[in-house]
């Protein structure tokens, strides 16, 4: 359904999505992964095992059932985040999408462009019918990006994450190939 053996390089106006070069990229990856805003918005743990994280990213280019690409800011020629398409759901011909933008890449439109580039790549190069994602309710900036690209709300998981003593809802969104194609025809 989706074979990601060959990892593409996808150029945009502001960013380049490309396979990871772990040795070169790792200091920038660490900056992203240790960022308190990234930890909060992704619902991640602040625990960090440098050796395990390095090992994880060293194997991303070998994976055939998922696509993990570095987001490179073209103006600074450095990694500012990642885009990931993973978790195949064969019954629904669907995969999950996620993005992470570190402190050096925020508020520049890089996440919007990276999201659009990977969505376009997936629908042009696979037979997937939809992409899905989850975004926490306290991240309206990300939700706005997803809606701009064409994702719509599918459901809401109430009280999915406890953060700073409050329970946060998780908003499940999806983008169907047919809706993506309609959007392409408008341009």
N, C-alpha and C. Protein backbone atom coordinates (compact mmCIF):
# COMPACT_ATOMS: atom_id res chain seq x y z
N UNK A 1 0.82 -1.20 0.00
CA UNK A 1 0.00 0.00 0.00
C UNK A 1 0.86 1.26 0.00
N UNK A 2 1.85 1.29 0.86
CA UNK A 2 2.78 2.42 0.90
C UNK A 2 4.16 1.87 1.16
N UNK A 3 5.02 1.98 0.17
CA UNK A 3 6.39 1.50 0.31
C UNK A 3 7.31 2.71 0.37
N UNK A 4 7.93 2.89 1.50
CA UNK A 4 8.81 4.04 1.69
C UNK A 4 10.27 3.61 1.73
N UNK A 5 10.62 2.63 0.90
CA UNK A 5 12.01 2.18 0.82
C UNK A 5 12.92 3.32 0.38
N UNK A 6 12.50 4.03 -0.65
CA UNK A 6 13.28 5.17 -1.16
C UNK A 6 12.83 6.43 -0.44
N UNK A 7 13.75 7.06 0.23
CA UNK A 7 13.46 8.28 0.97
C UNK A 7 13.71 9.48 0.07
N UNK A 8 12.67 10.27 -0.17
CA UNK A 8 12.80 11.40 -1.10
C UNK A 8 13.44 12.63 -0.46
N UNK A 9 13.89 13.50 -1.30
CA UNK A 9 14.23 14.87 -0.91
C UNK A 9 13.18 15.73 -1.60
N UNK A 10 12.47 16.52 -0.81
CA UNK A 10 11.34 17.30 -1.33
C UNK A 10 11.63 18.79 -1.08
N UNK A 11 11.97 19.51 -2.14
CA UNK A 11 12.27 20.94 -1.97
C UNK A 11 11.01 21.80 -1.99
N UNK A 12 11.01 22.81 -1.14
CA UNK A 12 9.95 23.81 -1.13
C UNK A 12 10.58 25.18 -1.24
N UNK A 13 9.79 26.22 -1.06
CA UNK A 13 10.33 27.58 -1.11
C UNK A 13 11.14 27.91 0.13
N UNK A 14 10.65 27.48 1.31
CA UNK A 14 11.30 27.82 2.58
C UNK A 14 12.05 26.66 3.20
N UNK A 15 11.59 25.43 2.91
CA UNK A 15 12.18 24.25 3.53
C UNK A 15 12.55 23.20 2.50
N UNK A 16 13.40 22.30 2.93
CA UNK A 16 13.70 21.08 2.19
C UNK A 16 13.40 19.94 3.16
N UNK A 17 12.63 18.97 2.70
CA UNK A 17 12.42 17.75 3.47
C UNK A 17 13.38 16.73 2.90
N UNK A 18 14.17 16.10 3.77
CA UNK A 18 15.17 15.16 3.28
C UNK A 18 15.42 14.07 4.31
N UNK A 19 16.03 12.95 3.88
CA UNK A 19 16.38 11.91 4.84
C UNK A 19 17.34 12.45 5.90
N UNK A 20 17.32 11.82 7.06
CA UNK A 20 18.20 12.24 8.15
C UNK A 20 19.65 11.88 7.85
N UNK A 21 20.54 12.79 8.21
CA UNK A 21 21.97 12.54 8.27
C UNK A 21 22.28 12.65 9.76
N UNK A 22 22.18 11.54 10.46
CA UNK A 22 22.15 11.57 11.91
C UNK A 22 23.34 12.29 12.53
N UNK A 23 24.53 12.03 12.08
CA UNK A 23 25.71 12.66 12.69
C UNK A 23 25.64 14.18 12.54
N UNK A 24 25.33 14.65 11.35
CA UNK A 24 25.26 16.08 11.09
C UNK A 24 24.03 16.73 11.75
N UNK A 25 22.90 16.02 11.72
CA UNK A 25 21.64 16.58 12.20
C UNK A 25 21.44 16.50 13.71
N UNK A 26 22.16 15.60 14.36
CA UNK A 26 21.82 15.27 15.75
C UNK A 26 21.85 16.46 16.72
N UNK A 27 22.81 17.36 16.66
CA UNK A 27 22.77 18.50 17.59
C UNK A 27 21.48 19.33 17.43
N UNK A 28 21.00 19.48 16.21
CA UNK A 28 19.78 20.24 15.96
C UNK A 28 18.55 19.45 16.39
N UNK A 29 18.59 18.13 16.19
CA UNK A 29 17.51 17.27 16.67
C UNK A 29 17.39 17.37 18.19
N UNK A 30 18.51 17.31 18.86
CA UNK A 30 18.50 17.41 20.32
C UNK A 30 17.89 18.74 20.78
N UNK A 31 18.23 19.80 20.10
CA UNK A 31 17.66 21.10 20.45
C UNK A 31 16.14 21.05 20.35
N UNK A 32 15.63 20.41 19.31
CA UNK A 32 14.19 20.28 19.12
C UNK A 32 13.56 19.40 20.20
N UNK A 33 14.14 18.23 20.41
CA UNK A 33 13.56 17.23 21.30
C UNK A 33 13.61 17.63 22.77
N UNK A 34 14.56 18.48 23.14
CA UNK A 34 14.68 18.93 24.53
C UNK A 34 13.92 20.22 24.80
N UNK A 35 13.36 20.83 23.77
CA UNK A 35 12.63 22.09 23.90
C UNK A 35 11.35 21.87 24.72
N UNK A 36 11.14 22.69 25.74
CA UNK A 36 9.99 22.53 26.63
C UNK A 36 8.66 22.67 25.89
N UNK A 37 8.58 23.54 24.91
CA UNK A 37 7.33 23.69 24.15
C UNK A 37 7.06 22.45 23.31
N UNK A 38 8.09 21.88 22.70
CA UNK A 38 7.92 20.63 21.94
C UNK A 38 7.46 19.51 22.86
N UNK A 39 8.08 19.39 24.01
CA UNK A 39 7.71 18.34 24.97
C UNK A 39 6.24 18.49 25.36
N UNK A 40 5.83 19.70 25.66
CA UNK A 40 4.44 19.93 26.07
C UNK A 40 3.46 19.66 24.92
N UNK A 41 3.70 20.26 23.76
CA UNK A 41 2.74 20.17 22.67
C UNK A 41 2.62 18.77 22.06
N UNK A 42 3.65 17.96 22.22
CA UNK A 42 3.59 16.60 21.71
C UNK A 42 3.17 15.60 22.77
N UNK A 43 3.02 16.07 24.01
CA UNK A 43 2.65 15.17 25.09
C UNK A 43 3.75 14.19 25.44
N UNK A 44 4.99 14.58 25.15
CA UNK A 44 6.14 13.71 25.38
C UNK A 44 6.61 13.76 26.82
N UNK A 45 7.47 12.85 27.14
CA UNK A 45 8.11 12.83 28.44
C UNK A 45 9.38 13.67 28.35
N UNK A 46 9.77 14.28 29.45
CA UNK A 46 11.00 15.06 29.44
C UNK A 46 12.22 14.16 29.67
N UNK A 47 11.99 12.86 29.88
CA UNK A 47 13.11 11.93 30.01
C UNK A 47 13.80 11.81 28.66
N UNK A 48 15.12 11.76 28.70
CA UNK A 48 15.87 11.79 27.45
C UNK A 48 17.11 10.92 27.58
N UNK A 49 17.21 9.90 26.74
CA UNK A 49 18.37 9.02 26.71
C UNK A 49 19.09 9.27 25.39
N UNK A 50 20.16 10.05 25.45
CA UNK A 50 20.86 10.49 24.25
C UNK A 50 21.26 9.33 23.34
N UNK A 51 21.79 8.28 23.93
CA UNK A 51 22.25 7.14 23.15
C UNK A 51 21.08 6.46 22.42
N UNK A 52 19.96 6.27 23.11
CA UNK A 52 18.79 5.64 22.50
C UNK A 52 18.19 6.52 21.41
N UNK A 53 18.12 7.81 21.64
CA UNK A 53 17.56 8.73 20.64
C UNK A 53 18.44 8.74 19.39
N UNK A 54 19.75 8.78 19.58
CA UNK A 54 20.67 8.74 18.43
C UNK A 54 20.47 7.44 17.64
N UNK A 55 20.38 6.33 18.36
CA UNK A 55 20.18 5.03 17.72
C UNK A 55 18.87 5.02 16.92
N UNK A 56 17.80 5.56 17.50
CA UNK A 56 16.49 5.64 16.85
C UNK A 56 16.60 6.39 15.52
N UNK A 57 17.17 7.59 15.55
CA UNK A 57 17.26 8.39 14.33
C UNK A 57 18.24 7.79 13.32
N UNK A 58 19.19 7.02 13.78
CA UNK A 58 20.12 6.35 12.87
C UNK A 58 19.45 5.28 12.03
N UNK A 59 18.29 4.82 12.45
CA UNK A 59 17.58 3.75 11.72
C UNK A 59 16.40 4.27 10.89
N UNK A 60 16.12 5.53 10.93
CA UNK A 60 14.92 6.06 10.24
C UNK A 60 14.99 5.84 8.73
N UNK A 61 16.15 5.98 8.12
CA UNK A 61 16.26 5.85 6.66
C UNK A 61 16.14 4.41 6.19
N UNK A 62 16.23 3.46 7.11
CA UNK A 62 16.12 2.05 6.76
C UNK A 62 14.68 1.54 6.78
N UNK A 63 13.77 2.30 7.35
CA UNK A 63 12.39 1.85 7.51
C UNK A 63 11.65 1.90 6.18
N UNK A 64 10.96 0.82 5.85
CA UNK A 64 10.22 0.77 4.57
C UNK A 64 8.72 1.00 4.76
N UNK A 65 8.24 0.92 6.00
CA UNK A 65 6.81 1.04 6.26
C UNK A 65 6.43 2.40 6.85
N UNK A 66 7.36 3.33 6.83
CA UNK A 66 7.12 4.67 7.35
C UNK A 66 8.08 5.64 6.68
N UNK A 67 7.75 6.92 6.77
CA UNK A 67 8.59 7.95 6.17
C UNK A 67 8.89 9.00 7.22
N UNK A 68 10.15 9.12 7.58
CA UNK A 68 10.63 10.12 8.54
C UNK A 68 11.61 11.02 7.78
N UNK A 69 11.31 12.30 7.73
CA UNK A 69 12.19 13.23 7.03
C UNK A 69 12.52 14.43 7.90
N UNK A 70 13.74 14.90 7.76
CA UNK A 70 14.18 16.11 8.45
C UNK A 70 13.61 17.33 7.73
N UNK A 71 13.25 18.33 8.50
CA UNK A 71 12.82 19.62 7.94
C UNK A 71 14.03 20.55 8.03
N UNK A 72 14.50 21.00 6.89
CA UNK A 72 15.66 21.90 6.82
C UNK A 72 15.20 23.30 6.44
N UNK A 73 15.53 24.26 7.26
CA UNK A 73 15.26 25.67 6.96
C UNK A 73 16.27 26.10 5.89
N UNK A 74 15.77 26.46 4.72
CA UNK A 74 16.67 26.79 3.60
C UNK A 74 17.51 28.05 3.87
N UNK A 75 16.97 29.01 4.62
CA UNK A 75 17.73 30.24 4.84
C UNK A 75 18.93 30.01 5.75
N UNK A 76 18.80 29.08 6.69
CA UNK A 76 19.90 28.81 7.62
C UNK A 76 20.60 27.48 7.35
N UNK A 77 20.04 26.71 6.44
CA UNK A 77 20.57 25.39 6.09
C UNK A 77 20.80 24.51 7.32
N UNK A 78 19.76 24.49 8.20
CA UNK A 78 19.86 23.64 9.38
C UNK A 78 18.52 22.99 9.69
N UNK A 79 18.59 21.85 10.37
CA UNK A 79 17.41 21.10 10.75
C UNK A 79 16.62 21.87 11.80
N UNK A 80 15.31 21.99 11.57
CA UNK A 80 14.44 22.67 12.54
C UNK A 80 13.30 21.76 13.01
N UNK A 81 13.23 20.53 12.48
CA UNK A 81 12.17 19.63 12.91
C UNK A 81 12.11 18.39 12.05
N UNK A 82 10.97 17.71 12.13
CA UNK A 82 10.77 16.48 11.36
C UNK A 82 9.31 16.34 10.96
N UNK A 83 9.09 15.62 9.87
CA UNK A 83 7.75 15.18 9.47
C UNK A 83 7.79 13.66 9.43
N UNK A 84 6.69 13.05 9.84
CA UNK A 84 6.63 11.59 9.91
C UNK A 84 5.27 11.12 9.40
N UNK A 85 5.31 10.09 8.57
CA UNK A 85 4.11 9.38 8.15
C UNK A 85 4.34 7.94 8.59
N UNK A 86 3.47 7.45 9.49
CA UNK A 86 3.68 6.12 10.06
C UNK A 86 2.34 5.45 10.40
N UNK A 87 2.41 4.32 11.04
CA UNK A 87 1.25 3.59 11.54
C UNK A 87 0.23 3.28 10.44
N UNK A 88 0.58 2.35 9.60
CA UNK A 88 -0.30 1.94 8.51
C UNK A 88 -1.57 1.30 9.07
N UNK A 89 -2.70 1.74 8.54
CA UNK A 89 -4.01 1.14 8.81
C UNK A 89 -4.50 0.62 7.45
N UNK A 90 -4.20 -0.65 7.17
CA UNK A 90 -4.51 -1.20 5.85
C UNK A 90 -5.99 -1.24 5.56
N UNK A 91 -6.80 -1.51 6.57
CA UNK A 91 -8.25 -1.59 6.38
C UNK A 91 -8.81 -0.28 5.83
N UNK A 92 -8.32 0.84 6.34
CA UNK A 92 -8.81 2.16 5.90
C UNK A 92 -7.88 2.82 4.88
N UNK A 93 -6.86 2.11 4.42
CA UNK A 93 -5.85 2.67 3.52
C UNK A 93 -5.40 4.04 4.02
N UNK A 94 -4.92 4.03 5.26
CA UNK A 94 -4.62 5.26 5.97
C UNK A 94 -3.29 5.16 6.70
N UNK A 95 -2.68 6.30 6.92
CA UNK A 95 -1.49 6.38 7.77
C UNK A 95 -1.61 7.63 8.63
N UNK A 96 -0.84 7.64 9.70
CA UNK A 96 -0.80 8.76 10.61
C UNK A 96 0.27 9.76 10.16
N UNK A 97 0.00 11.03 10.40
CA UNK A 97 0.96 12.09 10.12
C UNK A 97 1.28 12.81 11.41
N UNK A 98 2.54 13.20 11.57
CA UNK A 98 2.91 14.08 12.68
C UNK A 98 4.07 14.96 12.25
N UNK A 99 4.17 16.08 12.93
CA UNK A 99 5.24 17.02 12.65
C UNK A 99 5.74 17.59 13.98
N UNK A 100 7.01 17.91 14.00
CA UNK A 100 7.63 18.51 15.17
C UNK A 100 8.49 19.67 14.67
N UNK A 101 8.27 20.84 15.23
CA UNK A 101 9.07 22.02 14.88
C UNK A 101 9.74 22.54 16.15
N UNK A 102 11.06 22.62 16.12
CA UNK A 102 11.81 23.11 17.27
C UNK A 102 11.83 24.63 17.32
N UNK A 103 12.50 25.17 18.33
CA UNK A 103 12.48 26.62 18.55
C UNK A 103 13.05 27.43 17.38
N UNK A 104 14.00 26.90 16.64
CA UNK A 104 14.59 27.63 15.52
C UNK A 104 13.71 27.70 14.29
N UNK A 105 12.60 26.98 14.29
CA UNK A 105 11.75 26.94 13.10
C UNK A 105 10.35 27.49 13.27
N UNK A 106 10.05 27.97 14.46
CA UNK A 106 8.68 28.44 14.71
C UNK A 106 8.44 29.85 14.19
N UNK A 107 7.17 30.10 13.87
CA UNK A 107 6.68 31.42 13.46
C UNK A 107 7.31 31.94 12.17
N UNK A 108 7.64 31.02 11.27
CA UNK A 108 8.23 31.39 9.98
C UNK A 108 7.46 30.79 8.81
N UNK A 109 6.39 30.05 9.10
CA UNK A 109 5.64 29.37 8.05
C UNK A 109 6.28 28.06 7.59
N UNK A 110 7.32 27.63 8.28
CA UNK A 110 8.02 26.41 7.87
C UNK A 110 7.17 25.17 8.11
N UNK A 111 6.44 25.14 9.21
CA UNK A 111 5.60 23.99 9.51
C UNK A 111 4.46 23.85 8.52
N UNK A 112 3.89 24.97 8.12
CA UNK A 112 2.81 24.93 7.13
C UNK A 112 3.33 24.38 5.81
N UNK A 113 4.46 24.90 5.35
CA UNK A 113 5.00 24.42 4.09
C UNK A 113 5.42 22.96 4.18
N UNK A 114 6.06 22.57 5.27
CA UNK A 114 6.49 21.17 5.43
C UNK A 114 5.29 20.23 5.43
N UNK A 115 4.22 20.63 6.10
CA UNK A 115 3.00 19.82 6.14
C UNK A 115 2.43 19.67 4.74
N UNK A 116 2.32 20.77 4.02
CA UNK A 116 1.77 20.71 2.65
C UNK A 116 2.64 19.85 1.74
N UNK A 117 3.95 19.99 1.85
CA UNK A 117 4.86 19.22 1.01
C UNK A 117 4.73 17.72 1.25
N UNK A 118 4.66 17.30 2.52
CA UNK A 118 4.59 15.86 2.80
C UNK A 118 3.22 15.31 2.44
N UNK A 119 2.17 16.07 2.68
CA UNK A 119 0.82 15.63 2.30
C UNK A 119 0.75 15.45 0.78
N UNK A 120 1.24 16.43 0.04
CA UNK A 120 1.24 16.33 -1.43
C UNK A 120 2.06 15.12 -1.88
N UNK A 121 3.22 14.92 -1.28
CA UNK A 121 4.06 13.79 -1.65
C UNK A 121 3.33 12.46 -1.43
N UNK A 122 2.72 12.32 -0.27
CA UNK A 122 2.04 11.06 0.05
C UNK A 122 0.91 10.79 -0.93
N UNK A 123 0.07 11.78 -1.19
CA UNK A 123 -1.06 11.53 -2.08
C UNK A 123 -0.64 11.39 -3.55
N UNK A 124 0.48 11.95 -3.93
CA UNK A 124 0.95 11.80 -5.32
C UNK A 124 1.75 10.52 -5.53
N UNK A 125 2.26 9.91 -4.46
CA UNK A 125 3.18 8.79 -4.61
C UNK A 125 2.75 7.50 -3.93
N UNK A 126 1.56 7.47 -3.36
CA UNK A 126 1.03 6.25 -2.74
C UNK A 126 -0.43 6.10 -3.15
N UNK A 127 -1.02 5.00 -2.76
CA UNK A 127 -2.45 4.79 -3.00
C UNK A 127 -3.26 5.00 -1.74
N UNK A 128 -2.67 5.61 -0.73
CA UNK A 128 -3.39 5.87 0.52
C UNK A 128 -4.63 6.71 0.26
N UNK A 129 -5.70 6.40 0.98
CA UNK A 129 -6.94 7.17 0.86
C UNK A 129 -7.04 8.30 1.86
N UNK A 130 -6.27 8.20 2.96
CA UNK A 130 -6.35 9.28 3.94
C UNK A 130 -5.13 9.34 4.84
N UNK A 131 -4.93 10.51 5.39
CA UNK A 131 -3.94 10.74 6.44
C UNK A 131 -4.71 11.18 7.68
N UNK A 132 -4.25 10.72 8.83
CA UNK A 132 -4.89 11.08 10.09
C UNK A 132 -3.84 11.72 11.00
N UNK A 133 -4.30 12.43 12.00
CA UNK A 133 -3.41 13.01 13.01
C UNK A 133 -4.20 13.31 14.26
N UNK A 134 -3.47 13.55 15.32
CA UNK A 134 -4.05 13.99 16.60
C UNK A 134 -3.32 15.26 17.01
N UNK A 135 -4.08 16.22 17.49
CA UNK A 135 -3.50 17.46 18.00
C UNK A 135 -4.18 17.78 19.32
N UNK A 136 -3.40 18.17 20.31
CA UNK A 136 -3.98 18.50 21.60
C UNK A 136 -4.69 19.85 21.53
N UNK A 137 -5.77 19.97 22.29
CA UNK A 137 -6.62 21.17 22.24
C UNK A 137 -5.87 22.44 22.61
N UNK A 138 -4.77 22.31 23.37
CA UNK A 138 -4.03 23.52 23.74
C UNK A 138 -2.99 23.93 22.69
N UNK A 139 -3.14 23.41 21.48
CA UNK A 139 -2.22 23.74 20.39
C UNK A 139 -3.00 24.27 19.18
N UNK A 140 -3.68 25.42 19.33
CA UNK A 140 -4.48 25.96 18.23
C UNK A 140 -3.65 26.36 17.01
N UNK A 141 -2.39 26.70 17.23
CA UNK A 141 -1.52 27.07 16.10
C UNK A 141 -1.36 25.89 15.15
N UNK A 142 -1.09 24.71 15.69
CA UNK A 142 -0.95 23.52 14.85
C UNK A 142 -2.28 23.17 14.19
N UNK A 143 -3.35 23.25 14.94
CA UNK A 143 -4.67 22.94 14.36
C UNK A 143 -4.98 23.84 13.17
N UNK A 144 -4.63 25.11 13.29
CA UNK A 144 -4.86 26.06 12.19
C UNK A 144 -4.06 25.65 10.95
N UNK A 145 -2.82 25.21 11.14
CA UNK A 145 -2.00 24.73 10.02
C UNK A 145 -2.67 23.53 9.36
N UNK A 146 -3.09 22.57 10.17
CA UNK A 146 -3.71 21.36 9.62
C UNK A 146 -4.98 21.69 8.84
N UNK A 147 -5.79 22.60 9.37
CA UNK A 147 -7.01 22.99 8.67
C UNK A 147 -6.69 23.71 7.37
N UNK A 148 -5.66 24.53 7.38
CA UNK A 148 -5.23 25.24 6.17
C UNK A 148 -4.85 24.27 5.06
N UNK A 149 -4.20 23.17 5.44
CA UNK A 149 -3.78 22.16 4.47
C UNK A 149 -4.95 21.29 4.02
N UNK A 150 -6.03 21.24 4.81
CA UNK A 150 -7.22 20.49 4.41
C UNK A 150 -7.72 19.46 5.39
N UNK A 151 -7.04 19.27 6.52
CA UNK A 151 -7.51 18.31 7.52
C UNK A 151 -8.80 18.84 8.16
N UNK A 152 -9.70 17.91 8.49
CA UNK A 152 -10.94 18.25 9.17
C UNK A 152 -11.06 17.42 10.45
N UNK A 153 -11.84 17.92 11.38
CA UNK A 153 -12.03 17.19 12.65
C UNK A 153 -12.85 15.94 12.40
N UNK A 154 -12.36 14.83 12.91
CA UNK A 154 -13.04 13.54 12.79
C UNK A 154 -13.71 13.17 14.12
N UNK A 155 -13.01 13.39 15.23
CA UNK A 155 -13.56 13.08 16.55
C UNK A 155 -12.68 13.76 17.61
N UNK A 156 -13.16 13.72 18.83
CA UNK A 156 -12.40 14.30 19.95
C UNK A 156 -12.33 13.26 21.07
N UNK A 157 -11.12 13.00 21.54
CA UNK A 157 -10.93 12.14 22.70
C UNK A 157 -10.82 13.05 23.92
N UNK A 158 -11.83 12.99 24.76
CA UNK A 158 -11.87 13.84 25.95
C UNK A 158 -10.82 13.42 26.97
N UNK A 159 -10.22 14.40 27.62
CA UNK A 159 -9.30 14.17 28.73
C UNK A 159 -8.22 13.15 28.40
N UNK A 160 -7.57 13.34 27.27
CA UNK A 160 -6.57 12.40 26.77
C UNK A 160 -5.20 12.57 27.43
N UNK A 161 -4.88 13.79 27.85
CA UNK A 161 -3.56 14.08 28.40
C UNK A 161 -3.70 14.93 29.65
N UNK A 162 -2.96 14.56 30.69
CA UNK A 162 -2.90 15.42 31.87
C UNK A 162 -1.66 16.28 31.75
N UNK A 163 -1.85 17.59 31.83
CA UNK A 163 -0.73 18.53 31.69
C UNK A 163 -0.91 19.64 32.72
N UNK A 164 0.08 19.76 33.56
CA UNK A 164 0.09 20.82 34.57
C UNK A 164 -1.20 20.84 35.38
N UNK A 165 -1.68 19.64 35.74
CA UNK A 165 -2.86 19.53 36.58
C UNK A 165 -4.20 19.65 35.86
N UNK A 166 -4.17 19.81 34.55
CA UNK A 166 -5.42 19.90 33.78
C UNK A 166 -5.49 18.76 32.78
N UNK A 167 -6.72 18.35 32.48
CA UNK A 167 -6.93 17.32 31.46
C UNK A 167 -7.20 17.99 30.12
N UNK A 168 -6.49 17.54 29.09
CA UNK A 168 -6.54 18.14 27.77
C UNK A 168 -7.16 17.16 26.78
N UNK A 169 -8.04 17.66 25.92
CA UNK A 169 -8.65 16.83 24.88
C UNK A 169 -7.68 16.65 23.72
N UNK A 170 -7.81 15.53 23.03
CA UNK A 170 -7.05 15.27 21.81
C UNK A 170 -8.03 15.34 20.64
N UNK A 171 -7.70 16.17 19.68
CA UNK A 171 -8.56 16.35 18.51
C UNK A 171 -8.02 15.48 17.38
N UNK A 172 -8.85 14.54 16.92
CA UNK A 172 -8.46 13.64 15.83
C UNK A 172 -8.93 14.24 14.51
N UNK A 173 -8.00 14.39 13.59
CA UNK A 173 -8.29 15.01 12.31
C UNK A 173 -7.90 14.06 11.19
N UNK A 174 -8.52 14.26 10.02
CA UNK A 174 -8.15 13.45 8.87
C UNK A 174 -8.25 14.29 7.60
N UNK A 175 -7.50 13.84 6.61
CA UNK A 175 -7.55 14.43 5.28
C UNK A 175 -7.74 13.27 4.31
N UNK A 176 -8.85 13.31 3.59
CA UNK A 176 -9.19 12.26 2.63
C UNK A 176 -8.64 12.65 1.26
N UNK A 177 -8.13 11.67 0.55
CA UNK A 177 -7.55 11.90 -0.78
C UNK A 177 -8.50 12.73 -1.67
N UNK A 178 -9.76 12.38 -1.68
CA UNK A 178 -10.73 13.09 -2.53
C UNK A 178 -10.78 14.58 -2.20
N UNK A 179 -10.76 14.92 -0.91
CA UNK A 179 -10.77 16.33 -0.51
C UNK A 179 -9.46 17.02 -0.90
N UNK A 180 -8.35 16.29 -0.77
CA UNK A 180 -7.05 16.84 -1.20
C UNK A 180 -7.08 17.12 -2.70
N UNK A 181 -7.64 16.20 -3.48
CA UNK A 181 -7.69 16.38 -4.94
C UNK A 181 -8.56 17.58 -5.31
N UNK A 182 -9.67 17.77 -4.63
CA UNK A 182 -10.55 18.92 -4.89
C UNK A 182 -9.80 20.22 -4.64
N UNK A 183 -9.02 20.25 -3.56
CA UNK A 183 -8.25 21.44 -3.22
C UNK A 183 -7.21 21.73 -4.29
N UNK A 184 -6.58 20.68 -4.85
CA UNK A 184 -5.55 20.85 -5.88
C UNK A 184 -6.15 21.46 -7.14
N UNK A 185 -7.36 21.09 -7.46
CA UNK A 185 -8.01 21.60 -8.68
C UNK A 185 -8.30 23.09 -8.60
N UNK A 186 -8.43 23.62 -7.37
CA UNK A 186 -8.72 25.05 -7.22
C UNK A 186 -7.53 25.92 -7.54
N UNK A 187 -6.32 25.33 -7.57
CA UNK A 187 -5.11 26.14 -7.78
C UNK A 187 -4.61 26.01 -9.18
